[in-house]
C-alpha atoms as a PDB file:
ATOM      1  CA  PRO A   1      -6.134 -21.282  -0.939  1.00  0.00           C
ATOM      2  CA  ALA A   2      -3.841 -19.403  -2.809  1.00  0.00           C
ATOM      3  CA  ARG A   3      -0.329 -20.044  -1.719  1.00  0.00           C
ATOM      4  CA  ALA A   4       2.918 -17.373  -2.336  1.00  0.00           C
ATOM      5  CA  SER A   5       5.834 -15.648  -0.805  1.00  0.00           C
ATOM      6  CA  LEU A   6       5.846 -12.671  -0.043  1.00  0.00           C
ATOM      7  CA  ARG A   7       8.096 -10.338  -1.553  1.00  0.00           C
ATOM      8  CA  TYR A   8       9.845  -7.581  -0.718  1.00  0.00           C
ATOM      9  CA  THR A   9      11.514  -4.267  -2.930  1.00  0.00           C
ATOM     10  CA  ASN A  10      13.066  -1.793  -1.512  1.00  0.00           C
ATOM     11  CA  VAL A  11      12.167   1.260  -4.147  1.00  0.00           C
ATOM     12  CA  GLU A  12      15.484   2.749  -3.724  1.00  0.00           C
ATOM     13  CA  THR A  13      17.696   0.148  -4.433  1.00  0.00           C
ATOM     14  CA  HIS A  14      15.156  -1.708  -6.409  1.00  0.00           C
ATOM     15  CA  GLN A  15      16.915  -4.820  -4.442  1.00  0.00           C
ATOM     16  CA  ARG A  16      14.180  -7.682  -3.627  1.00  0.00           C
ATOM     17  CA  GLY A  17      14.293 -10.298  -0.660  1.00  0.00           C
ATOM     18  CA  PHE A  18      12.293 -12.282   0.917  1.00  0.00           C
ATOM     19  CA  LYS A  19      13.627 -11.043   4.725  1.00  0.00           C
ATOM     20  CA  LYS A  20      10.887  -8.040   5.983  1.00  0.00           C
ATOM     21  CA  PRO A  21      12.796  -5.349   6.326  1.00  0.00           C
ATOM     22  CA  PRO A  22      13.691  -3.899  10.126  1.00  0.00           C
ATOM     23  CA  LEU A  23      11.972  -0.641   9.367  1.00  0.00           C
ATOM     24  CA  LEU A  24       8.517  -2.298   9.105  1.00  0.00           C
ATOM     25  CA  GLY A  25       9.048  -3.633  12.473  1.00  0.00           C
ATOM     26  CA  LYS A  26       5.548  -5.418  13.512  1.00  0.00           C
ATOM     27  CA  GLU A  27       3.424  -3.617  11.522  1.00  0.00           C
ATOM     28  CA  GLU A  28       0.875  -6.317   9.723  1.00  0.00           C
ATOM     29  CA  LEU A  29       1.134  -6.536   6.169  1.00  0.00           C
ATOM     30  CA  ASP A  30      -2.150  -7.670   6.204  1.00  0.00           C
ATOM     31  CA  PRO A  31      -4.238  -5.081   7.136  1.00  0.00           C
ATOM     32  CA  GLU A  32      -7.159  -5.417   8.642  1.00  0.00           C
ATOM     33  CA  ASP A  33      -9.613  -2.220   8.228  1.00  0.00           C
ATOM     34  CA  MET A  34     -10.476  -3.648   4.950  1.00  0.00           C
ATOM     35  CA  SER A  35     -11.474   0.186   3.961  1.00  0.00           C
ATOM     36  CA  LEU A  36      -8.017   0.148   3.353  1.00  0.00           C
ATOM     37  CA  TRP A  37      -7.513  -2.565   1.214  1.00  0.00           C
ATOM     38  CA  GLY A  38      -7.528  -2.367  -2.895  1.00  0.00           C
ATOM     39  CA  ILE A  39      -8.448  -3.811  -5.829  1.00  0.00           C
ATOM     40  CA  TYR A  40      -6.083  -7.345  -5.114  1.00  0.00           C
ATOM     41  CA  ARG A  41      -6.155  -7.396  -1.303  1.00  0.00           C
ATOM     42  CA  LEU A  42      -9.816  -7.485  -1.787  1.00  0.00           C
ATOM     43  CA  GLY A  43      -9.509 -10.390  -4.330  1.00  0.00           C
ATOM     44  CA  VAL A  44      -6.889 -12.319  -2.283  1.00  0.00           C
ATOM     45  CA  PHE A  45      -9.777 -12.302   0.848  1.00  0.00           C
ATOM     46  CA  PHE A  46     -12.235 -13.158  -1.550  1.00  0.00           C
ATOM     47  CA  ARG A  47      -9.223 -16.417  -3.243  1.00  0.00           C
ATOM     48  CA  ARG A  48      -8.978 -16.915   0.338  1.00  0.00           C
ATOM     49  CA  LEU A  49     -13.325 -17.512   1.036  1.00  0.00           C
ATOM     50  CA  GLY A  50     -13.184 -20.126  -2.062  1.00  0.00           C
ATOM     51  CA  TYR A  51     -14.116 -17.772  -4.458  1.00  0.00           C
ATOM     52  CA  GLY A  52     -11.063 -16.442  -6.887  1.00  0.00           C
ATOM     53  CA  TRP A  53     -13.483 -16.656 -10.122  1.00  0.00           C
ATOM     54  CA  ILE A  54     -14.134 -12.813  -8.908  1.00  0.00           C
ATOM     55  CA  ALA A  55     -10.816 -11.309  -8.337  1.00  0.00           C
ATOM     56  CA  PRO A  56     -11.171 -10.551 -12.419  1.00  0.00           C
ATOM     57  CA  GLU A  57     -14.760  -9.450 -12.019  1.00  0.00           C
ATOM     58  CA  LEU A  58     -13.221  -7.083  -8.914  1.00  0.00           C
ATOM     59  CA  ARG A  59     -10.666  -5.497 -11.178  1.00  0.00           C
ATOM     60  CA  ARG A  60     -12.869  -4.632 -14.251  1.00  0.00           C
ATOM     61  CA  PHE A  61     -15.778  -2.914 -12.172  1.00  0.00           C
ATOM     62  CA  ASP A  62     -12.677  -1.088  -9.897  1.00  0.00           C
ATOM     63  CA  VAL A  63     -13.824  -2.376  -6.605  1.00  0.00           C
ATOM     64  CA  ASP A  64     -11.479  -1.828  -3.653  1.00  0.00           C
ATOM     65  CA  GLY A  65     -12.216  -2.081  -0.020  1.00  0.00           C
ATOM     66  CA  ALA A  66     -14.136   1.098   0.568  1.00  0.00           C
ATOM     67  CA  LEU A  67     -16.740   0.539  -2.495  1.00  0.00           C
ATOM     68  CA  PHE A  68     -17.016  -2.625  -0.950  1.00  0.00           C
ATOM     69  CA  LEU A  69     -17.695  -2.034   2.933  1.00  0.00           C
ATOM     70  CA  SER A  70     -21.131  -0.539   1.101  1.00  0.00           C
ATOM     71  CA  PHE A  71     -22.459  -2.762  -0.691  1.00  0.00           C
ATOM     72  CA  GLU A  72     -26.065  -3.492  -0.952  1.00  0.00           C
ATOM     73  CA  TRP A  73     -27.165  -7.446  -1.715  1.00  0.00           C
ATOM     74  CA  GLN A  74     -28.110  -6.027  -5.359  1.00  0.00           C
ATOM     75  CA  ASP A  75     -24.225  -4.793  -5.579  1.00  0.00           C
ATOM     76  CA  TYR A  76     -23.477  -9.078  -4.721  1.00  0.00           C
ATOM     77  CA  VAL A  77     -25.808 -10.259  -7.499  1.00  0.00           C
ATOM     78  CA  ASP A  78     -24.178  -8.115  -9.961  1.00  0.00           C
ATOM     79  CA  LEU A  79     -21.035  -9.420  -9.742  1.00  0.00           C
ATOM     80  CA  GLY A  80     -21.888 -12.426 -10.201  1.00  0.00           C
ATOM     81  CA  PHE A  81     -23.369 -13.994  -6.349  1.00  0.00           C
ATOM     82  CA  THR A  82     -26.631 -15.475  -7.173  1.00  0.00           C
ATOM     83  CA  GLN A  83     -27.060 -17.793  -4.095  1.00  0.00           C
ATOM     84  CA  SER A  84     -28.336 -15.987  -0.562  1.00  0.00           C
ATOM     85  CA  HIS A  85     -25.522 -18.074   1.059  1.00  0.00           C
ATOM     86  CA  VAL A  86     -23.163 -17.022   0.173  1.00  0.00           C
ATOM     87  CA  ILE A  87     -23.043 -13.743   0.053  1.00  0.00           C
ATOM     88  CA  LYS A  88     -23.978 -14.000   3.823  1.00  0.00           C
ATOM     89  CA  ARG A  89     -20.706 -16.106   4.316  1.00  0.00           C
ATOM     90  CA  ILE A  90     -19.040 -13.647   2.838  1.00  0.00           C
ATOM     91  CA  LEU A  91     -20.952 -10.495   4.852  1.00  0.00           C
ATOM     92  CA  LEU A  92     -20.147 -12.659   8.574  1.00  0.00           C
ATOM     93  CA  GLN A  93     -16.608 -12.861   7.406  1.00  0.00           C
ATOM     94  CA  VAL A  94     -16.422  -9.362   7.743  1.00  0.00           C
ATOM     95  CA  GLU A  95     -18.156  -9.131  10.583  1.00  0.00           C
ATOM     96  CA  LYS A  96     -15.403 -11.401  11.981  1.00  0.00           C
ATOM     97  CA  ARG A  97     -12.760  -8.999  11.068  1.00  0.00           C
ATOM     98  CA  LYS A  98     -11.840  -6.562  14.757  1.00  0.00           C
ATOM     99  CA  PHE A  99     -12.221  -3.406  12.579  1.00  0.00           C
ATOM    100  CA  PHE A 100     -15.978  -3.951  11.798  1.00  0.00           C
ATOM    101  CA  ARG A 101     -16.428  -3.699  15.517  1.00  0.00           C
ATOM    102  CA  THR A 102     -15.615   0.283  15.351  1.00  0.00           C
ATOM    103  CA  HIS A 103     -16.912   0.709  11.279  1.00  0.00           C
ATOM    104  CA  ARG A 104     -19.381   3.084  10.509  1.00  0.00           C
ATOM    105  CA  ASP A 105     -21.540   2.773   7.061  1.00  0.00           C
ATOM    106  CA  LEU A 106     -21.144   5.379   5.102  1.00  0.00           C
ATOM    107  CA  PRO A 107     -23.888   7.945   4.971  1.00  0.00           C
ATOM    108  CA  VAL A 108     -27.177   6.882   3.103  1.00  0.00           C
ATOM    109  CA  THR A 109     -26.822   9.801   0.999  1.00  0.00           C
ATOM    110  CA  LEU A 110     -23.306   8.724  -0.523  1.00  0.00           C
ATOM    111  CA  VAL A 111     -24.385   4.695  -1.313  1.00  0.00           C
ATOM    112  CA  ARG A 112     -28.303   4.773  -1.983  1.00  0.00           C
ATOM    113  CA  ARG A 113     -29.005   5.548  -5.607  1.00  0.00           C
ATOM    114  CA  ASP A 114     -31.720   4.393  -7.781  1.00  0.00           C
ATOM    115  CA  ARG A 115     -32.117   1.230  -9.437  1.00  0.00           C
ATOM    116  CA  ARG A 116     -34.179   0.863 -12.654  1.00  0.00           C
END
């Protein structure tokens, strides 16, 4: 797993520090809703699962949280996941998250595409 210290930057003074600013309150740094995740946060998710090697592919194909949630099985294969048990493990990790109980998939017309 990746380990790092979080640093906060004041956008006005450009000062950096390790202490969480009071303005953030109890707001989580790790948003639960994966559809709001950017490419970097999605890469952290995969590194925590032990698949850090996929992070460059996520950047290469510009995969963020919203796009990731619309993946079909073949999309995982295209990224480089070739073993079905690995794909199932990833899907189970997504389903475990709290946001997934109320998550609604995108309409099929938005995510369906012809593969040749």
